Amino acid sequence: MTARRAKFPASAFAFASKAAAARRAVRVIKKYPNRRLYDTQASAYVTLAEVRRLVLEREPFVVQDAKSGANLTRSILLQIILEEEAGGAPMFSEAMLANIIRFYGHAMQSFMGAYLEKNIQTFMEMQAKLSEQPQSVSPEMWSRFMHVQSPLMQSMMSHYLEHSKNMFLQMQAQMTRQTEQMLGAFGIQSKDRPRP
């Protein structure tokens, strides 16, 4: 007796493919003039707190202006940061915020953005390594573990700080080279380099 294969209509495979694509698709959130946010996937209005949840769950999304289609994602993310900072446990000090503002319009602005992004990525990687520890560890056990692992933690932080320092030095060297190239194009010689 030959085994019969179940036959599925082509539309069933198309439906399954569309469902898989929808799961991978970037969620689109429309921002209307009345400042309301509409999640097109859920077909419902959402709050900034719900958008924050999408960020925490690493759900890919984009926020678009409902009329123009302009990408407003950065603006919404900044609003979420503002709410978090105003919530009582700020991450950034006034001095740090002032220093960040000072980099806007400065020649180092693009380098500073890349520098901060790479440092945060390195920090996230360190955090991921630490979170690989078993979830069933009690606070007391975690405290003992951290005490025993103190040299390891010091080593990780030392590596992080060294990496951060190297990135800054590379950024500074690149800026120096670019400045010398730009000045050289105008026939201006750097004070540090003697004329040939």
N, C-alpha and C. Protein backbone atom coordinates (compact mmCIF):
# COMPACT_ATOMS: atom_id res chain seq x y z
N MET A 1 0.85 -1.16 0.00
CA MET A 1 0.00 0.00 0.00
C MET A 1 0.90 1.23 0.00
N THR A 2 0.61 2.15 -0.85
CA THR A 2 1.43 3.35 -0.94
C THR A 2 0.89 4.40 0.01
N ALA A 3 1.82 5.10 0.57
CA ALA A 3 1.42 6.16 1.50
C ALA A 3 0.89 7.34 0.72
N ARG A 4 -0.20 7.88 1.18
CA ARG A 4 -0.77 9.04 0.51
C ARG A 4 -0.23 10.31 1.14
N ARG A 5 0.19 11.19 0.30
CA ARG A 5 0.66 12.48 0.79
C ARG A 5 -0.52 13.44 0.88
N ALA A 6 -0.54 14.16 1.97
CA ALA A 6 -1.61 15.16 2.11
C ALA A 6 -1.34 16.30 1.15
N LYS A 7 -2.34 16.70 0.45
CA LYS A 7 -2.19 17.80 -0.49
C LYS A 7 -2.80 19.05 0.13
N PHE A 8 -1.97 20.09 0.13
CA PHE A 8 -2.43 21.36 0.64
C PHE A 8 -2.56 22.31 -0.54
N PRO A 9 -3.58 23.11 -0.53
CA PRO A 9 -3.71 24.07 -1.61
C PRO A 9 -2.57 25.10 -1.55
N ALA A 10 -2.20 25.61 -2.70
CA ALA A 10 -1.12 26.61 -2.77
C ALA A 10 -1.44 27.80 -1.89
N SER A 11 -2.71 28.12 -1.75
CA SER A 11 -3.08 29.28 -0.92
C SER A 11 -2.71 29.08 0.54
N ALA A 12 -2.68 27.84 1.01
CA ALA A 12 -2.28 27.57 2.40
C ALA A 12 -0.82 27.92 2.60
N PHE A 13 0.04 27.59 1.62
CA PHE A 13 1.46 27.93 1.73
C PHE A 13 1.65 29.44 1.63
N ALA A 14 0.90 30.07 0.76
CA ALA A 14 0.99 31.52 0.63
C ALA A 14 0.58 32.19 1.93
N PHE A 15 -0.49 31.68 2.56
CA PHE A 15 -0.94 32.23 3.83
C PHE A 15 0.14 32.07 4.90
N ALA A 16 0.76 30.87 4.98
CA ALA A 16 1.81 30.62 5.96
C ALA A 16 3.00 31.53 5.71
N SER A 17 3.36 31.73 4.45
CA SER A 17 4.48 32.61 4.12
C SER A 17 4.18 34.05 4.51
N LYS A 18 2.94 34.49 4.24
CA LYS A 18 2.56 35.85 4.60
C LYS A 18 2.56 36.03 6.11
N ALA A 19 2.13 35.02 6.85
CA ALA A 19 2.11 35.10 8.31
C ALA A 19 3.54 35.19 8.85
N ALA A 20 4.45 34.39 8.27
CA ALA A 20 5.85 34.44 8.72
C ALA A 20 6.45 35.79 8.40
N ALA A 21 6.15 36.33 7.23
CA ALA A 21 6.67 37.64 6.84
C ALA A 21 6.12 38.73 7.75
N ALA A 22 4.85 38.61 8.13
CA ALA A 22 4.25 39.61 9.02
C ALA A 22 4.93 39.62 10.38
N ARG A 23 5.33 38.42 10.85
CA ARG A 23 6.02 38.36 12.14
C ARG A 23 7.38 39.04 12.06
N ARG A 24 8.02 38.97 10.91
CA ARG A 24 9.34 39.57 10.76
C ARG A 24 9.26 41.03 10.34
N ALA A 25 8.11 41.47 9.85
CA ALA A 25 7.95 42.82 9.33
C ALA A 25 8.09 43.85 10.45
N VAL A 26 8.54 44.99 10.06
CA VAL A 26 8.68 46.09 11.00
C VAL A 26 7.29 46.68 11.26
N ARG A 27 6.97 46.82 12.52
CA ARG A 27 5.67 47.37 12.92
C ARG A 27 5.66 48.87 12.58
N VAL A 28 4.59 49.32 12.00
CA VAL A 28 4.46 50.74 11.63
C VAL A 28 3.48 51.40 12.60
N ILE A 29 3.95 52.50 13.18
CA ILE A 29 3.12 53.29 14.08
C ILE A 29 2.98 54.67 13.45
N LYS A 30 1.76 55.11 13.28
CA LYS A 30 1.48 56.41 12.67
C LYS A 30 1.23 57.44 13.77
N LYS A 31 1.85 58.61 13.59
CA LYS A 31 1.62 59.70 14.53
C LYS A 31 0.73 60.73 13.85
N TYR A 32 -0.39 61.01 14.49
CA TYR A 32 -1.36 61.94 13.93
C TYR A 32 -1.16 63.34 14.50
N PRO A 33 -1.71 64.37 13.81
CA PRO A 33 -1.53 65.76 14.28
C PRO A 33 -1.99 65.98 15.72
N ASN A 34 -2.97 65.19 16.18
CA ASN A 34 -3.43 65.35 17.56
C ASN A 34 -2.48 64.67 18.56
N ARG A 35 -1.28 64.27 18.08
CA ARG A 35 -0.20 63.67 18.87
C ARG A 35 -0.50 62.23 19.28
N ARG A 36 -1.57 61.65 18.77
CA ARG A 36 -1.89 60.26 19.09
C ARG A 36 -1.09 59.34 18.19
N LEU A 37 -0.76 58.17 18.75
CA LEU A 37 0.00 57.16 18.03
C LEU A 37 -0.91 55.98 17.70
N TYR A 38 -0.89 55.56 16.44
CA TYR A 38 -1.76 54.48 15.99
C TYR A 38 -0.90 53.32 15.50
N ASP A 39 -1.01 52.17 16.14
CA ASP A 39 -0.28 50.97 15.76
C ASP A 39 -1.05 50.28 14.65
N THR A 40 -0.48 50.28 13.44
CA THR A 40 -1.20 49.71 12.29
C THR A 40 -1.28 48.19 12.36
N GLN A 41 -0.37 47.55 13.06
CA GLN A 41 -0.42 46.09 13.19
C GLN A 41 -1.52 45.66 14.14
N ALA A 42 -1.64 46.37 15.27
CA ALA A 42 -2.66 46.03 16.27
C ALA A 42 -4.00 46.72 15.97
N SER A 43 -4.00 47.65 15.02
CA SER A 43 -5.20 48.43 14.68
C SER A 43 -5.78 49.09 15.92
N ALA A 44 -4.90 49.77 16.66
CA ALA A 44 -5.32 50.43 17.90
C ALA A 44 -4.39 51.59 18.21
N TYR A 45 -4.93 52.56 18.94
CA TYR A 45 -4.09 53.66 19.42
C TYR A 45 -3.23 53.13 20.56
N VAL A 46 -2.00 53.62 20.63
CA VAL A 46 -1.07 53.18 21.68
C VAL A 46 -0.51 54.40 22.39
N THR A 47 -0.04 54.15 23.59
CA THR A 47 0.59 55.21 24.38
C THR A 47 2.10 55.14 24.22
N LEU A 48 2.77 56.16 24.71
CA LEU A 48 4.24 56.17 24.70
C LEU A 48 4.78 55.02 25.56
N ALA A 49 4.07 54.69 26.63
CA ALA A 49 4.48 53.56 27.48
C ALA A 49 4.43 52.25 26.72
N GLU A 50 3.45 52.11 25.84
CA GLU A 50 3.36 50.88 25.04
C GLU A 50 4.46 50.83 23.98
N VAL A 51 4.84 51.99 23.45
CA VAL A 51 5.97 52.03 22.50
C VAL A 51 7.25 51.69 23.25
N ARG A 52 7.38 52.17 24.49
CA ARG A 52 8.54 51.83 25.31
C ARG A 52 8.62 50.31 25.51
N ARG A 53 7.48 49.67 25.71
CA ARG A 53 7.45 48.22 25.87
C ARG A 53 7.98 47.53 24.62
N LEU A 54 7.63 48.06 23.44
CA LEU A 54 8.15 47.50 22.18
C LEU A 54 9.68 47.58 22.15
N VAL A 55 10.21 48.69 22.63
CA VAL A 55 11.66 48.86 22.68
C VAL A 55 12.27 47.81 23.61
N LEU A 56 11.69 47.67 24.79
CA LEU A 56 12.22 46.71 25.77
C LEU A 56 12.14 45.28 25.26
N GLU A 57 11.11 44.98 24.47
CA GLU A 57 10.93 43.63 23.92
C GLU A 57 11.69 43.44 22.60
N ARG A 58 12.44 44.47 22.21
CA ARG A 58 13.23 44.44 20.96
C ARG A 58 12.38 44.19 19.73
N GLU A 59 11.17 44.68 19.76
CA GLU A 59 10.24 44.56 18.63
C GLU A 59 10.59 45.67 17.64
N PRO A 60 10.93 45.31 16.40
CA PRO A 60 11.27 46.37 15.43
C PRO A 60 10.03 47.19 15.05
N PHE A 61 10.19 48.50 15.05
CA PHE A 61 9.08 49.38 14.69
C PHE A 61 9.62 50.67 14.10
N VAL A 62 8.75 51.36 13.42
CA VAL A 62 9.07 52.68 12.89
C VAL A 62 7.86 53.57 13.16
N VAL A 63 8.11 54.82 13.49
CA VAL A 63 7.03 55.77 13.71
C VAL A 63 7.06 56.75 12.54
N GLN A 64 5.91 56.88 11.88
CA GLN A 64 5.81 57.75 10.71
C GLN A 64 4.75 58.82 10.94
N ASP A 65 5.00 59.99 10.37
CA ASP A 65 3.98 61.03 10.37
C ASP A 65 2.83 60.55 9.50
N ALA A 66 1.62 60.63 10.00
CA ALA A 66 0.45 60.09 9.28
C ALA A 66 0.22 60.81 7.96
N LYS A 67 0.53 62.11 7.87
CA LYS A 67 0.30 62.87 6.63
C LYS A 67 1.47 62.73 5.66
N SER A 68 2.67 63.07 6.12
CA SER A 68 3.82 63.15 5.21
C SER A 68 4.57 61.83 5.05
N GLY A 69 4.43 60.93 6.03
CA GLY A 69 5.18 59.68 6.00
C GLY A 69 6.60 59.83 6.51
N ALA A 70 6.96 61.03 6.99
CA ALA A 70 8.31 61.27 7.51
C ALA A 70 8.58 60.36 8.71
N ASN A 71 9.82 59.92 8.82
CA ASN A 71 10.22 59.03 9.91
C ASN A 71 10.39 59.85 11.19
N LEU A 72 9.60 59.54 12.20
CA LEU A 72 9.62 60.24 13.49
C LEU A 72 10.13 59.35 14.62
N THR A 73 10.76 58.22 14.27
CA THR A 73 11.18 57.24 15.28
C THR A 73 12.13 57.86 16.30
N ARG A 74 13.14 58.58 15.83
CA ARG A 74 14.11 59.19 16.77
C ARG A 74 13.42 60.14 17.73
N SER A 75 12.49 60.92 17.21
CA SER A 75 11.76 61.88 18.04
C SER A 75 10.98 61.16 19.15
N ILE A 76 10.33 60.07 18.80
CA ILE A 76 9.56 59.31 19.79
C ILE A 76 10.50 58.67 20.81
N LEU A 77 11.63 58.13 20.36
CA LEU A 77 12.60 57.53 21.29
C LEU A 77 13.13 58.59 22.25
N LEU A 78 13.38 59.79 21.75
CA LEU A 78 13.83 60.88 22.62
C LEU A 78 12.75 61.25 23.63
N GLN A 79 11.48 61.22 23.22
CA GLN A 79 10.38 61.49 24.16
C GLN A 79 10.35 60.43 25.27
N ILE A 80 10.60 59.18 24.90
CA ILE A 80 10.61 58.11 25.90
C ILE A 80 11.75 58.35 26.88
N ILE A 81 12.93 58.71 26.38
CA ILE A 81 14.07 59.00 27.26
C ILE A 81 13.73 60.17 28.18
N LEU A 82 13.11 61.21 27.64
CA LEU A 82 12.73 62.37 28.45
C LEU A 82 11.79 61.97 29.58
N GLU A 83 10.80 61.14 29.28
CA GLU A 83 9.88 60.67 30.32
C GLU A 83 10.60 59.84 31.37
N GLU A 84 11.51 58.97 30.92
CA GLU A 84 12.26 58.14 31.87
C GLU A 84 13.14 59.02 32.76
N GLU A 85 13.78 60.02 32.16
CA GLU A 85 14.65 60.91 32.93
C GLU A 85 13.86 61.73 33.95
N ALA A 86 12.64 62.11 33.60
CA ALA A 86 11.79 62.89 34.50
C ALA A 86 11.12 62.02 35.55
N GLY A 87 11.22 60.70 35.39
CA GLY A 87 10.51 59.77 36.26
C GLY A 87 11.10 59.57 37.64
N GLY A 88 12.17 60.23 37.99
CA GLY A 88 12.68 60.12 39.35
C GLY A 88 14.01 59.41 39.49
N ALA A 89 14.41 58.61 38.54
CA ALA A 89 15.70 57.92 38.61
C ALA A 89 16.49 58.21 37.32
N PRO A 90 16.95 59.46 37.17
CA PRO A 90 17.62 59.83 35.93
C PRO A 90 18.95 59.09 35.73
N MET A 91 19.26 58.84 34.48
CA MET A 91 20.51 58.18 34.11
C MET A 91 21.60 59.22 33.84
N PHE A 92 21.18 60.38 33.32
CA PHE A 92 22.13 61.41 32.92
C PHE A 92 22.15 62.56 33.93
N SER A 93 23.34 62.97 34.31
CA SER A 93 23.47 64.14 35.19
C SER A 93 23.31 65.41 34.35
N GLU A 94 23.09 66.52 35.01
CA GLU A 94 22.99 67.80 34.30
C GLU A 94 24.29 68.10 33.56
N ALA A 95 25.43 67.80 34.20
CA ALA A 95 26.73 68.05 33.58
C ALA A 95 26.89 67.22 32.31
N MET A 96 26.47 65.97 32.36
CA MET A 96 26.59 65.11 31.18
C MET A 96 25.71 65.62 30.05
N LEU A 97 24.47 66.00 30.37
CA LEU A 97 23.57 66.53 29.35
C LEU A 97 24.13 67.81 28.73
N ALA A 98 24.69 68.67 29.58
CA ALA A 98 25.29 69.91 29.07
C ALA A 98 26.46 69.60 28.14
N ASN A 99 27.27 68.61 28.50
CA ASN A 99 28.40 68.25 27.64
C ASN A 99 27.93 67.66 26.31
N ILE A 100 26.88 66.87 26.34
CA ILE A 100 26.34 66.32 25.10
C ILE A 100 25.84 67.46 24.21
N ILE A 101 25.14 68.42 24.78
CA ILE A 101 24.62 69.56 24.02
C ILE A 101 25.77 70.33 23.39
N ARG A 102 26.88 70.46 24.11
CA ARG A 102 28.03 71.20 23.58
C ARG A 102 28.64 70.56 22.34
N PHE A 103 28.41 69.27 22.15
CA PHE A 103 28.97 68.60 20.96
C PHE A 103 28.15 68.87 19.70
N TYR A 104 26.91 69.33 19.85
CA TYR A 104 26.10 69.63 18.67
C TYR A 104 26.71 70.83 17.95
N GLY A 105 26.93 70.67 16.65
CA GLY A 105 27.53 71.74 15.85
C GLY A 105 29.04 71.77 15.94
N HIS A 106 29.61 70.96 16.79
CA HIS A 106 31.06 70.88 16.96
C HIS A 106 31.62 69.92 15.91
N ALA A 107 32.86 70.12 15.54
CA ALA A 107 33.50 69.25 14.54
C ALA A 107 33.51 67.78 14.97
N MET A 108 33.47 67.54 16.27
CA MET A 108 33.53 66.17 16.79
C MET A 108 32.15 65.53 16.95
N GLN A 109 31.08 66.20 16.53
CA GLN A 109 29.72 65.70 16.76
C GLN A 109 29.53 64.28 16.23
N SER A 110 29.89 64.03 14.99
CA SER A 110 29.65 62.69 14.42
C SER A 110 30.52 61.65 15.09
N PHE A 111 31.74 62.03 15.47
CA PHE A 111 32.62 61.08 16.15
C PHE A 111 32.10 60.76 17.55
N MET A 112 31.56 61.77 18.22
CA MET A 112 31.04 61.55 19.57
C MET A 112 29.84 60.61 19.54
N GLY A 113 28.97 60.76 18.55
CA GLY A 113 27.83 59.87 18.42
C GLY A 113 28.28 58.42 18.24
N ALA A 114 29.25 58.21 17.35
CA ALA A 114 29.78 56.86 17.11
C ALA A 114 30.47 56.32 18.37
N TYR A 115 31.19 57.19 19.06
CA TYR A 115 31.90 56.80 20.28
C TYR A 115 30.91 56.34 21.35
N LEU A 116 29.86 57.12 21.57
CA LEU A 116 28.85 56.75 22.58
C LEU A 116 28.14 55.46 22.18
N GLU A 117 27.81 55.33 20.90
CA GLU A 117 27.11 54.13 20.43
C GLU A 117 27.96 52.88 20.64
N LYS A 118 29.25 52.95 20.32
CA LYS A 118 30.12 51.78 20.50
C LYS A 118 30.30 51.45 21.97
N ASN A 119 30.39 52.47 22.82
CA ASN A 119 30.54 52.22 24.25
C ASN A 119 29.28 51.58 24.83
N ILE A 120 28.13 52.03 24.40
CA ILE A 120 26.89 51.44 24.90
C ILE A 120 26.77 50.00 24.42
N GLN A 121 27.18 49.74 23.16
CA GLN A 121 27.15 48.37 22.64
C GLN A 121 28.07 47.47 23.45
N THR A 122 29.26 47.95 23.78
CA THR A 122 30.20 47.17 24.59
C THR A 122 29.61 46.90 25.97
N PHE A 123 28.98 47.91 26.55
CA PHE A 123 28.37 47.75 27.86
C PHE A 123 27.23 46.73 27.80
N MET A 124 26.43 46.77 26.72
CA MET A 124 25.33 45.82 26.56
C MET A 124 25.87 44.39 26.43
N GLU A 125 26.99 44.23 25.74
CA GLU A 125 27.60 42.90 25.61
C GLU A 125 28.06 42.39 26.97
N MET A 126 28.64 43.29 27.78
CA MET A 126 29.06 42.89 29.14
C MET A 126 27.84 42.48 29.96
N GLN A 127 26.79 43.25 29.86
CA GLN A 127 25.56 42.96 30.60
C GLN A 127 24.99 41.61 30.18
N ALA A 128 25.03 41.32 28.89
CA ALA A 128 24.51 40.03 28.39
C ALA A 128 25.32 38.87 28.96
N LYS A 129 26.64 39.04 29.06
CA LYS A 129 27.48 37.98 29.63
C LYS A 129 27.12 37.74 31.09
N LEU A 130 26.88 38.83 31.81
CA LEU A 130 26.52 38.69 33.23
C LEU A 130 25.14 38.06 33.39
N SER A 131 24.23 38.38 32.48
CA SER A 131 22.87 37.85 32.63
C SER A 131 22.76 36.39 32.21
N GLU A 132 23.82 35.83 31.65
CA GLU A 132 23.80 34.41 31.29
C GLU A 132 23.84 33.52 32.52
N GLN A 133 24.04 34.11 33.67
CA GLN A 133 24.07 33.34 34.91
C GLN A 133 22.66 32.81 35.17
N PRO A 134 22.54 31.71 35.89
CA PRO A 134 21.22 31.13 36.15
C PRO A 134 20.26 32.12 36.80
N GLN A 135 19.00 32.07 36.36
CA GLN A 135 17.99 32.99 36.86
C GLN A 135 17.56 32.65 38.29
N SER A 136 17.86 31.44 38.76
CA SER A 136 17.40 31.01 40.07
C SER A 136 18.34 31.44 41.20
N VAL A 137 19.30 32.28 40.90
CA VAL A 137 20.26 32.70 41.92
C VAL A 137 19.60 33.74 42.83
N SER A 138 19.69 33.52 44.13
CA SER A 138 19.11 34.46 45.09
C SER A 138 20.02 35.69 45.21
N PRO A 139 19.50 36.79 45.76
CA PRO A 139 20.33 37.99 45.92
C PRO A 139 21.58 37.72 46.78
N GLU A 140 21.43 36.88 47.81
CA GLU A 140 22.58 36.58 48.66
C GLU A 140 23.63 35.79 47.88
N MET A 141 23.16 34.81 47.10
CA MET A 141 24.09 34.02 46.29
C MET A 141 24.76 34.90 45.24
N TRP A 142 23.98 35.81 44.65
CA TRP A 142 24.53 36.71 43.65
C TRP A 142 25.60 37.60 44.28
N SER A 143 25.34 38.08 45.51
CA SER A 143 26.31 38.92 46.20
C SER A 143 27.60 38.15 46.45
N ARG A 144 27.48 36.89 46.92
CA ARG A 144 28.68 36.07 47.13
C ARG A 144 29.41 35.81 45.82
N PHE A 145 28.64 35.54 44.77
CA PHE A 145 29.24 35.30 43.45
C PHE A 145 30.03 36.52 42.99
N MET A 146 29.43 37.71 43.16
CA MET A 146 30.10 38.93 42.73
C MET A 146 31.36 39.18 43.55
N HIS A 147 31.30 38.83 44.84
CA HIS A 147 32.48 39.02 45.69
C HIS A 147 33.60 38.08 45.25
N VAL A 148 33.25 36.84 44.97
CA VAL A 148 34.23 35.86 44.50
C VAL A 148 34.73 36.25 43.12
N GLN A 149 33.83 36.77 42.30
CA GLN A 149 34.18 37.12 40.93
C GLN A 149 34.76 38.53 40.81
N SER A 150 35.06 39.17 41.92
CA SER A 150 35.57 40.53 41.89
C SER A 150 36.73 40.71 40.92
N PRO A 151 37.74 39.82 40.94
CA PRO A 151 38.81 40.00 39.95
C PRO A 151 38.30 39.90 38.51
N LEU A 152 37.34 39.02 38.28
CA LEU A 152 36.76 38.90 36.94
C LEU A 152 36.05 40.20 36.56
N MET A 153 35.26 40.75 37.49
CA MET A 153 34.55 42.00 37.22
C MET A 153 35.53 43.13 36.98
N GLN A 154 36.58 43.17 37.80
CA GLN A 154 37.59 44.21 37.61
C GLN A 154 38.24 44.07 36.24
N SER A 155 38.48 42.84 35.84
CA SER A 155 39.07 42.60 34.53
C SER A 155 38.13 43.05 33.42
N MET A 156 36.84 42.72 33.55
CA MET A 156 35.88 43.13 32.53
C MET A 156 35.77 44.66 32.45
N MET A 157 35.71 45.32 33.62
CA MET A 157 35.62 46.77 33.62
C MET A 157 36.91 47.39 33.09
N SER A 158 38.03 46.79 33.43
CA SER A 158 39.30 47.28 32.93
C SER A 158 39.34 47.17 31.41
N HIS A 159 38.86 46.02 30.89
CA HIS A 159 38.80 45.83 29.44
C HIS A 159 37.87 46.87 28.81
N TYR A 160 36.74 47.10 29.43
CA TYR A 160 35.78 48.07 28.92
C TYR A 160 36.40 49.47 28.89
N LEU A 161 37.04 49.87 29.97
CA LEU A 161 37.66 51.19 30.04
C LEU A 161 38.81 51.33 29.04
N GLU A 162 39.59 50.27 28.89
CA GLU A 162 40.69 50.28 27.92
C GLU A 162 40.13 50.40 26.50
N HIS A 163 39.07 49.65 26.22
CA HIS A 163 38.42 49.71 24.91
C HIS A 163 37.89 51.12 24.65
N SER A 164 37.27 51.71 25.66
CA SER A 164 36.73 53.05 25.54
C SER A 164 37.85 54.07 25.28
N LYS A 165 38.94 53.93 26.01
CA LYS A 165 40.08 54.84 25.83
C LYS A 165 40.66 54.70 24.43
N ASN A 166 40.82 53.48 23.96
CA ASN A 166 41.36 53.26 22.63
C ASN A 166 40.47 53.83 21.54
N MET A 167 39.15 53.68 21.72
CA MET A 167 38.22 54.24 20.75
C MET A 167 38.35 55.76 20.71
N PHE A 168 38.48 56.37 21.87
CA PHE A 168 38.60 57.82 21.92
C PHE A 168 39.91 58.27 21.27
N LEU A 169 41.01 57.55 21.54
CA LEU A 169 42.29 57.91 20.93
C LEU A 169 42.24 57.74 19.41
N GLN A 170 41.58 56.69 18.93
CA GLN A 170 41.43 56.50 17.49
C GLN A 170 40.61 57.63 16.88
N MET A 171 39.55 58.01 17.58
CA MET A 171 38.70 59.09 17.11
C MET A 171 39.50 60.39 17.04
N GLN A 172 40.32 60.64 18.06
CA GLN A 172 41.13 61.85 18.11
C GLN A 172 42.17 61.85 16.98
N ALA A 173 42.81 60.70 16.74
CA ALA A 173 43.81 60.59 15.68
C ALA A 173 43.16 60.80 14.31
N GLN A 174 41.97 60.23 14.12
CA GLN A 174 41.27 60.40 12.85
C GLN A 174 40.90 61.86 12.64
N MET A 175 40.47 62.52 13.68
CA MET A 175 40.11 63.94 13.58
C MET A 175 41.34 64.77 13.23
N THR A 176 42.47 64.45 13.84
CA THR A 176 43.72 65.16 13.56
C THR A 176 44.12 64.99 12.10
N ARG A 177 44.06 63.73 11.60
CA ARG A 177 44.40 63.47 10.20
C ARG A 177 43.49 64.24 9.25
N GLN A 178 42.20 64.23 9.55
CA GLN A 178 41.25 64.93 8.68
C GLN A 178 41.48 66.44 8.70
N THR A 179 41.80 66.97 9.86
CA THR A 179 42.08 68.40 9.97
C THR A 179 43.32 68.76 9.18
N GLU A 180 44.38 67.94 9.30
CA GLU A 180 45.61 68.20 8.55
C GLU A 180 45.37 68.11 7.05
N GLN A 181 44.55 67.14 6.61
CA GLN A 181 44.23 67.02 5.19
C GLN A 181 43.45 68.24 4.70
N MET A 182 42.50 68.67 5.50
CA MET A 182 41.71 69.82 5.11
C MET A 182 42.57 71.08 5.04
N LEU A 183 43.40 71.29 6.06
CA LEU A 183 44.28 72.46 6.06
C LEU A 183 45.28 72.39 4.92
N GLY A 184 45.80 71.18 4.66
CA GLY A 184 46.75 70.99 3.55
C GLY A 184 46.12 71.33 2.22
N ALA A 185 44.84 71.04 2.05
CA ALA A 185 44.15 71.35 0.80
C ALA A 185 44.08 72.85 0.55
N PHE A 186 44.10 73.63 1.63
CA PHE A 186 44.08 75.08 1.52
C PHE A 186 45.49 75.68 1.59
N GLY A 187 46.50 74.82 1.63
CA GLY A 187 47.88 75.29 1.68
C GLY A 187 48.33 75.75 3.05
N ILE A 188 47.56 75.41 4.06
CA ILE A 188 47.91 75.80 5.43
C ILE A 188 48.62 74.62 6.09
N GLN A 189 49.77 74.91 6.66
CA GLN A 189 50.57 73.87 7.30
C GLN A 189 50.25 73.81 8.79
N SER A 190 50.15 72.61 9.33
CA SER A 190 49.92 72.43 10.75
C SER A 190 51.13 72.92 11.51
N LYS A 191 50.91 73.52 12.69
CA LYS A 191 52.00 74.02 13.52
C LYS A 191 52.89 72.88 14.01
N ASP A 192 52.30 71.69 14.18
CA ASP A 192 53.06 70.57 14.70
C ASP A 192 54.00 69.95 13.67
N ARG A 193 53.69 70.14 12.37
CA ARG A 193 54.49 69.53 11.32
C ARG A 193 55.34 70.57 10.63
N PRO A 194 56.64 70.31 10.53
CA PRO A 194 57.48 71.27 9.79
C PRO A 194 57.20 71.16 8.30
N ARG A 195 57.40 72.26 7.58
CA ARG A 195 57.21 72.25 6.12
C ARG A 195 58.31 71.42 5.47
N PRO A 196 57.97 70.67 4.41
CA PRO A 196 59.01 69.85 3.74
C PRO A 196 59.94 70.69 2.92
